[in-house]
N, C-alpha and C. Protein backbone atom coordinates (compact mmCIF):
# COMPACT_ATOMS: atom_id res chain seq x y z
N UNK A 1 29.14 0.77 -18.34
CA UNK A 1 29.05 -0.33 -17.13
C UNK A 1 28.28 -1.59 -18.08
N UNK A 2 29.05 -3.28 -17.85
CA UNK A 2 28.37 -3.86 -18.72
C UNK A 2 27.28 -4.03 -18.37
N UNK A 3 26.50 -5.58 -18.82
CA UNK A 3 24.95 -5.56 -18.49
C UNK A 3 25.10 -6.58 -17.67
N UNK A 4 26.26 -6.99 -17.70
CA UNK A 4 25.95 -8.64 -16.67
C UNK A 4 27.42 -8.23 -15.19
N UNK A 5 27.10 -6.74 -15.12
CA UNK A 5 27.47 -5.74 -14.03
C UNK A 5 26.59 -4.96 -13.40
N UNK A 6 25.37 -4.96 -13.98
CA UNK A 6 23.71 -3.96 -13.88
C UNK A 6 23.19 -5.23 -12.56
N UNK A 7 22.75 -4.73 -11.61
CA UNK A 7 22.03 -5.33 -10.64
C UNK A 7 20.53 -5.55 -11.04
N UNK A 8 19.86 -6.06 -11.07
CA UNK A 8 18.04 -6.87 -10.82
C UNK A 8 17.89 -6.69 -9.84
N UNK A 9 16.66 -5.85 -9.45
CA UNK A 9 16.05 -5.31 -8.37
C UNK A 9 15.30 -6.27 -8.04
N UNK A 10 15.18 -6.85 -6.50
CA UNK A 10 14.35 -7.35 -5.81
C UNK A 10 15.18 -9.52 -6.31
N UNK A 11 16.35 -9.30 -6.88
CA UNK A 11 17.22 -10.68 -7.17
C UNK A 11 17.80 -11.18 -6.69
N UNK A 12 18.21 -10.14 -6.15
CA UNK A 12 19.47 -10.70 -4.91
C UNK A 12 19.18 -11.14 -3.56
N UNK A 13 18.02 -10.08 -3.46
CA UNK A 13 17.08 -10.20 -2.16
C UNK A 13 16.45 -11.34 -1.92
N UNK A 14 16.53 -12.84 -3.33
CA UNK A 14 15.24 -13.18 -3.22
C UNK A 14 14.67 -14.35 -1.59
N UNK A 15 16.73 -14.52 -2.07
CA UNK A 15 17.32 -15.97 -0.67
C UNK A 15 16.83 -15.22 0.34
N UNK A 16 17.17 -13.89 0.45
CA UNK A 16 16.49 -13.61 2.24
C UNK A 16 15.27 -13.35 2.63
N UNK A 17 14.07 -12.75 1.32
CA UNK A 17 13.06 -11.97 1.63
C UNK A 17 11.79 -13.85 1.66
N UNK A 18 12.65 -14.83 1.51
CA UNK A 18 11.93 -15.79 1.19
C UNK A 18 11.77 -16.30 2.71
N UNK A 19 12.83 -15.82 3.59
CA UNK A 19 12.44 -16.36 5.15
C UNK A 19 12.33 -15.36 5.88
N UNK A 20 11.16 -15.96 6.78
CA UNK A 20 10.52 -14.28 8.26
C UNK A 20 12.30 -14.29 9.18
N UNK A 21 12.30 -13.25 9.05
CA UNK A 21 13.12 -12.76 10.55
C UNK A 21 13.82 -13.73 11.63
N UNK A 22 13.02 -14.45 11.71
CA UNK A 22 12.72 -15.33 12.90
C UNK A 22 13.15 -16.44 12.46
N UNK A 23 12.84 -16.95 11.73
CA UNK A 23 13.94 -18.29 11.08
C UNK A 23 15.15 -17.93 10.34
N UNK A 24 15.56 -16.85 9.57
CA UNK A 24 16.87 -16.15 9.33
C UNK A 24 18.04 -16.45 11.07
N UNK A 25 17.27 -15.31 11.66
CA UNK A 25 18.17 -15.66 12.77
C UNK A 25 17.37 -14.84 14.34
N UNK A 26 18.01 -15.02 15.58
CA UNK A 26 17.17 -14.94 16.77
C UNK A 26 16.43 -13.51 16.77
N UNK A 27 15.94 -13.45 17.71
CA UNK A 27 15.39 -11.69 17.38
C UNK A 27 16.08 -10.98 18.72
N UNK A 28 16.66 -9.59 18.29
CA UNK A 28 17.47 -9.61 20.18
C UNK A 28 16.64 -9.08 20.39
N UNK A 29 17.14 -8.16 21.83
CA UNK A 29 16.12 -7.92 23.05
C UNK A 29 14.81 -7.12 22.80
N UNK A 30 15.59 -5.98 22.05
CA UNK A 30 15.43 -4.67 21.67
C UNK A 30 14.24 -5.09 20.83
N UNK A 31 14.01 -5.75 19.50
CA UNK A 31 13.18 -6.28 18.79
C UNK A 31 12.14 -6.78 19.17
N UNK A 32 12.35 -7.94 19.87
CA UNK A 32 11.76 -8.73 21.11
C UNK A 32 10.30 -7.99 21.80
N UNK A 33 11.09 -6.89 22.75
CA UNK A 33 10.23 -6.09 22.93
C UNK A 33 8.96 -5.27 22.76
N UNK A 34 9.31 -4.60 21.64
CA UNK A 34 8.97 -4.00 20.55
C UNK A 34 8.05 -4.76 20.14
N UNK A 35 8.14 -5.57 19.55
CA UNK A 35 7.23 -6.94 19.07
C UNK A 35 5.84 -7.43 19.66
N UNK A 36 6.63 -8.07 21.10
CA UNK A 36 5.71 -8.30 22.85
C UNK A 36 4.33 -7.35 22.63
N UNK A 37 5.00 -6.01 22.67
CA UNK A 37 4.05 -5.07 22.65
C UNK A 37 2.91 -4.55 21.82
N UNK A 38 3.08 -5.37 20.80
CA UNK A 38 2.41 -4.95 19.41
C UNK A 38 1.88 -5.83 19.11
N UNK A 39 1.62 -7.85 20.15
CA UNK A 39 1.14 -8.30 19.80
C UNK A 39 0.18 -8.10 21.32
N UNK A 40 0.77 -8.21 22.08
CA UNK A 40 -0.12 -8.21 23.59
C UNK A 40 -1.00 -6.97 22.83
N UNK A 41 -0.88 -5.43 22.65
CA UNK A 41 -1.91 -5.05 22.06
C UNK A 41 -2.95 -6.06 20.80
N UNK A 42 -2.83 -6.22 20.46
CA UNK A 42 -3.28 -7.36 19.67
C UNK A 42 -4.14 -8.35 20.08
N UNK A 43 -2.97 -8.44 21.48
CA UNK A 43 -3.75 -9.96 21.77
C UNK A 43 -5.64 -10.38 22.00
N UNK A 44 -5.95 -8.17 22.43
CA UNK A 44 -7.33 -8.50 22.60
C UNK A 44 -8.49 -8.56 22.06
N UNK A 45 -9.47 -9.10 22.21
CA UNK A 45 -10.68 -8.75 20.75
C UNK A 45 -11.28 -7.97 20.18
N UNK A 46 -11.48 -7.12 21.20
CA UNK A 46 -11.86 -5.51 21.03
C UNK A 46 -10.85 -4.36 20.16
N UNK A 47 -9.62 -4.89 20.62
CA UNK A 47 -8.60 -4.00 19.84
C UNK A 47 -8.18 -4.57 18.53
N UNK A 48 -8.29 -5.34 18.45
CA UNK A 48 -8.25 -6.05 16.85
C UNK A 48 -9.06 -6.15 16.03
N UNK A 49 -10.67 -5.88 16.80
CA UNK A 49 -11.53 -5.42 15.49
C UNK A 49 -11.47 -3.61 15.26
N UNK A 50 -11.18 -3.11 16.14
CA UNK A 50 -11.03 -1.88 16.62
C UNK A 50 -10.20 -1.64 15.18
N UNK A 51 -8.46 -2.10 15.21
CA UNK A 51 -7.57 -2.05 13.72
C UNK A 51 -7.81 -2.54 13.11
N UNK A 52 -9.17 -3.85 12.91
CA UNK A 52 -9.75 -3.79 11.67
C UNK A 52 -10.92 -2.89 11.04
N UNK A 53 -12.00 -2.68 11.78
CA UNK A 53 -12.80 -1.75 12.03
C UNK A 53 -11.66 0.12 11.11
N UNK A 54 -10.62 0.45 11.30
CA UNK A 54 -10.24 1.80 11.15
C UNK A 54 -9.41 0.75 9.71
N UNK A 55 -8.64 -0.21 9.49
CA UNK A 55 -7.79 -0.59 8.25
C UNK A 55 -9.58 -0.60 7.50
N UNK A 56 -10.15 -1.11 7.30
CA UNK A 56 -11.53 -1.27 6.40
C UNK A 56 -11.65 0.15 5.69
N UNK A 57 -11.67 1.32 7.07
CA UNK A 57 -12.12 2.24 6.86
C UNK A 57 -12.33 3.16 6.01
N UNK A 58 -13.52 3.95 5.20
CA UNK A 58 -13.18 4.15 3.72
C UNK A 58 -12.28 5.90 4.03
N UNK A 59 -11.61 5.43 2.98
CA UNK A 59 -10.12 6.45 3.37
C UNK A 59 -9.28 6.00 4.10
N UNK A 60 -9.59 5.20 4.71
CA UNK A 60 -8.13 3.86 5.76
C UNK A 60 -8.20 5.14 6.69
N UNK A 61 -8.99 6.70 7.15
CA UNK A 61 -8.83 6.59 8.47
C UNK A 61 -10.12 6.79 9.31
N UNK A 62 -10.31 6.40 10.60
CA UNK A 62 -11.95 6.69 11.34
C UNK A 62 -11.77 7.72 11.68
N UNK A 63 -12.85 7.98 12.36
CA UNK A 63 -13.13 8.98 13.78
C UNK A 63 -13.57 7.76 14.52
N UNK A 64 -13.16 8.56 16.00
CA UNK A 64 -13.74 7.39 16.86
C UNK A 64 -15.04 7.70 17.02
N UNK A 65 -16.11 8.50 16.19
CA UNK A 65 -17.16 9.00 16.48
C UNK A 65 -17.31 7.72 16.16
N UNK A 66 -17.08 7.04 15.07
CA UNK A 66 -17.65 5.44 14.06
C UNK A 66 -17.11 3.89 14.54
N UNK A 67 -16.24 4.47 15.78
CA UNK A 67 -15.69 3.30 16.35
C UNK A 67 -16.39 2.77 17.41
N UNK A 68 -17.06 3.28 17.86
CA UNK A 68 -17.96 3.29 18.73
C UNK A 68 -19.33 2.14 19.43
N UNK A 69 -20.20 2.63 18.18
CA UNK A 69 -21.14 1.59 17.31
C UNK A 69 -21.11 0.63 18.41
N UNK A 70 -19.83 -0.15 16.81
CA UNK A 70 -20.44 -1.90 16.98
C UNK A 70 -19.87 -2.52 17.73
N UNK A 71 -19.52 -2.03 19.04
CA UNK A 71 -18.83 -2.55 20.39
C UNK A 71 -20.11 -2.24 21.71
N UNK A 72 -20.30 -3.56 22.56
CA UNK A 72 -20.74 -3.15 23.71
C UNK A 72 -20.17 -2.71 24.83
N UNK A 73 -19.47 -1.60 24.59
CA UNK A 73 -18.49 -1.67 25.68
C UNK A 73 -18.89 0.64 25.80
N UNK A 74 -18.96 1.16 26.39
CA UNK A 74 -18.67 2.09 26.72
C UNK A 74 -17.30 3.17 25.97
N UNK A 75 -18.00 4.25 26.01
CA UNK A 75 -17.23 5.02 25.01
C UNK A 75 -15.48 5.91 25.45
N UNK A 76 -15.72 5.40 26.96
CA UNK A 76 -13.97 5.85 27.67
C UNK A 76 -12.76 3.96 27.64
N UNK A 77 -14.20 3.21 27.13
CA UNK A 77 -13.29 2.14 26.57
C UNK A 77 -12.73 2.05 25.94
N UNK A 78 -13.39 2.15 24.38
CA UNK A 78 -13.05 2.62 23.43
C UNK A 78 -11.71 3.31 23.04
N UNK A 79 -11.93 4.24 23.74
CA UNK A 79 -10.64 4.97 24.06
C UNK A 79 -9.28 4.87 24.96
N UNK A 80 -9.66 4.17 25.88
CA UNK A 80 -8.57 3.42 26.90
C UNK A 80 -7.93 1.88 24.95
N UNK A 81 -8.57 1.26 24.97
CA UNK A 81 -8.34 0.43 23.51
C UNK A 81 -7.59 1.15 22.54
N UNK A 82 -7.98 2.21 22.09
CA UNK A 82 -7.12 3.19 20.97
C UNK A 82 -5.78 3.18 21.84
N UNK A 83 -6.05 3.59 22.82
CA UNK A 83 -4.90 3.93 23.31
C UNK A 83 -3.56 3.37 22.92
N UNK A 84 -3.87 1.90 23.35
CA UNK A 84 -2.76 0.67 23.59
C UNK A 84 -2.85 0.78 22.32
N UNK A 85 -3.43 0.69 21.44
CA UNK A 85 -3.15 0.23 20.06
C UNK A 85 -2.26 1.57 18.98
N UNK A 86 -2.24 2.71 19.62
CA UNK A 86 -1.51 4.03 19.53
C UNK A 86 0.13 3.89 20.36
N UNK A 87 -0.17 4.04 21.51
CA UNK A 87 0.89 3.66 22.22
C UNK A 87 1.85 1.99 21.68
N UNK A 88 1.22 1.09 21.27
CA UNK A 88 2.54 -0.25 20.89
C UNK A 88 2.52 0.08 19.11
N UNK A 89 2.19 1.61 18.79
CA UNK A 89 2.80 2.12 17.27
C UNK A 89 1.86 1.08 16.40
N UNK A 90 0.71 0.99 16.41
CA UNK A 90 -0.04 0.23 15.39
C UNK A 90 -1.27 1.27 14.46
N UNK A 91 -1.07 2.21 15.80
CA UNK A 91 -1.62 3.23 15.22
C UNK A 91 -1.83 4.46 15.29
N UNK A 92 -2.12 5.73 13.60
CA UNK A 92 -1.95 6.82 14.33
C UNK A 92 -2.45 7.42 14.71
N UNK A 93 -2.69 8.50 15.27
CA UNK A 93 -4.06 9.27 15.68
C UNK A 93 -3.43 11.18 15.70
N UNK A 94 -5.06 12.15 15.42
CA UNK A 94 -4.82 13.29 14.94
C UNK A 94 -6.00 13.55 15.49
N UNK A 95 -6.07 14.85 16.79
CA UNK A 95 -7.25 15.74 17.10
C UNK A 95 -7.70 17.04 15.79
N UNK A 96 -8.80 16.59 15.59
CA UNK A 96 -9.48 17.63 14.38
C UNK A 96 -11.03 18.03 14.70
N UNK A 97 -10.64 19.02 15.48
CA UNK A 97 -11.84 19.36 15.90
C UNK A 97 -12.52 18.85 17.27
N UNK A 98 -13.46 18.31 17.42
CA UNK A 98 -13.45 17.87 18.84
C UNK A 98 -13.81 16.59 18.43
N UNK A 99 -13.10 15.39 17.71
CA UNK A 99 -13.09 14.28 17.48
C UNK A 99 -11.41 14.00 17.16
N UNK A 100 -11.28 12.51 17.42
CA UNK A 100 -10.30 11.99 16.90
C UNK A 100 -9.77 10.72 15.81
N UNK A 101 -9.03 11.55 14.87
CA UNK A 101 -8.99 10.55 13.55
C UNK A 101 -7.87 9.22 13.84
N UNK A 102 -7.85 8.09 13.65
CA UNK A 102 -6.61 6.84 13.35
C UNK A 102 -7.15 6.52 12.31
N UNK A 103 -5.48 6.24 12.19
CA UNK A 103 -5.35 4.72 11.04
C UNK A 103 -4.49 4.05 11.24
N UNK A 104 -4.73 3.07 10.16
CA UNK A 104 -3.00 1.97 10.71
C UNK A 104 -1.76 2.39 10.47
N UNK A 105 -0.94 2.64 10.97
CA UNK A 105 0.42 2.73 10.24
C UNK A 105 0.87 0.95 9.62
N UNK A 106 1.24 1.07 8.48
CA UNK A 106 1.35 0.52 7.15
C UNK A 106 2.64 -0.05 8.02
N UNK A 107 4.22 0.69 8.14
CA UNK A 107 5.00 -0.13 9.08
C UNK A 107 5.26 -0.91 9.82
N UNK A 108 3.93 -0.83 10.94
CA UNK A 108 3.94 -1.87 12.21
C UNK A 108 3.49 -3.31 11.53
N UNK A 109 2.29 -2.91 10.27
CA UNK A 109 1.82 -4.17 10.00
C UNK A 109 3.15 -4.83 9.04
N UNK A 110 3.55 -4.43 8.43
CA UNK A 110 4.64 -4.54 7.76
C UNK A 110 5.00 -5.68 8.40
N UNK A 111 6.44 -4.78 9.73
CA UNK A 111 7.28 -5.60 10.07
C UNK A 111 6.73 -6.72 11.25
N UNK A 112 4.94 -7.36 11.48
CA UNK A 112 4.40 -7.50 12.12
C UNK A 112 4.55 -8.67 11.09
N UNK A 113 4.56 -8.57 9.95
CA UNK A 113 3.85 -9.80 9.12
C UNK A 113 5.08 -10.49 8.26
N UNK A 114 5.90 -9.51 8.32
CA UNK A 114 6.89 -10.41 8.04
C UNK A 114 7.85 -10.85 8.82
N UNK A 115 8.03 -10.60 10.47
CA UNK A 115 8.22 -11.23 11.40
C UNK A 115 7.51 -13.20 11.45
N UNK A 116 6.09 -12.67 10.89
CA UNK A 116 5.73 -14.16 10.97
C UNK A 116 5.90 -15.27 9.81
N UNK A 117 5.86 -14.27 8.40
CA UNK A 117 5.54 -14.96 6.86
C UNK A 117 6.93 -16.62 7.16
N UNK A 118 6.63 -17.55 7.18
CA UNK A 118 7.09 -18.69 6.76
C UNK A 118 8.24 -19.16 5.83
N UNK A 119 9.18 -19.51 5.95
CA UNK A 119 9.16 -20.04 4.27
C UNK A 119 9.17 -21.00 3.38
N UNK A 120 8.99 -21.35 2.26
CA UNK A 120 8.91 -21.77 1.59
C UNK A 120 8.53 -23.49 2.16
N UNK A 121 7.78 -24.16 2.25
CA UNK A 121 8.79 -25.71 3.01
C UNK A 121 8.71 -26.56 1.91
N UNK A 122 10.42 -27.22 2.15
CA UNK A 122 10.40 -28.42 1.82
C UNK A 122 9.39 -29.87 1.69
N UNK A 123 8.71 -30.59 0.81
CA UNK A 123 8.00 -31.13 0.55
C UNK A 123 8.44 -32.57 1.78
N UNK A 124 9.70 -32.28 1.71
CA UNK A 124 9.20 -33.58 3.16
C UNK A 124 8.69 -32.84 4.75
N UNK A 125 8.55 -31.37 4.92
CA UNK A 125 8.41 -30.53 6.03
C UNK A 125 6.83 -30.73 5.80
N UNK A 126 6.76 -30.75 5.21
CA UNK A 126 4.92 -30.20 4.15
C UNK A 126 4.20 -31.54 4.24
N UNK A 127 4.76 -32.63 4.05
CA UNK A 127 4.51 -33.86 4.02
C UNK A 127 3.98 -34.69 5.79
N UNK A 128 5.53 -34.57 6.75
CA UNK A 128 5.18 -33.63 8.04
C UNK A 128 3.58 -33.44 8.85
N UNK A 129 3.29 -32.44 7.83
CA UNK A 129 2.57 -31.50 8.81
C UNK A 129 0.99 -32.03 8.52
């Protein structure tokens, strides 16, 4: 194969990667429902803080026992919020003995990030802002 026939990884995807999915094309119903569930889960300040605590915890996972102290709510309330995050697909969990450990699911955060990424603004658009 000649050098001109070789594909440079990432080079052909630049035009697609510059723009978020919402800028390239409208969301389909299925994607909108799944993403709305994630955004709804993150719309609560306690859940948003829980996700941040889990993501920033040493080792990338946190025991539920480590997640209750920073909040002025009961343990059952924390468990409810963690359940909402889990059902929205934002965190995974595993029971180990009497404790449950949680970790953030990177593909879910990547999906949210990709959706919200804005394309590079032309100078005329930036001047309007």
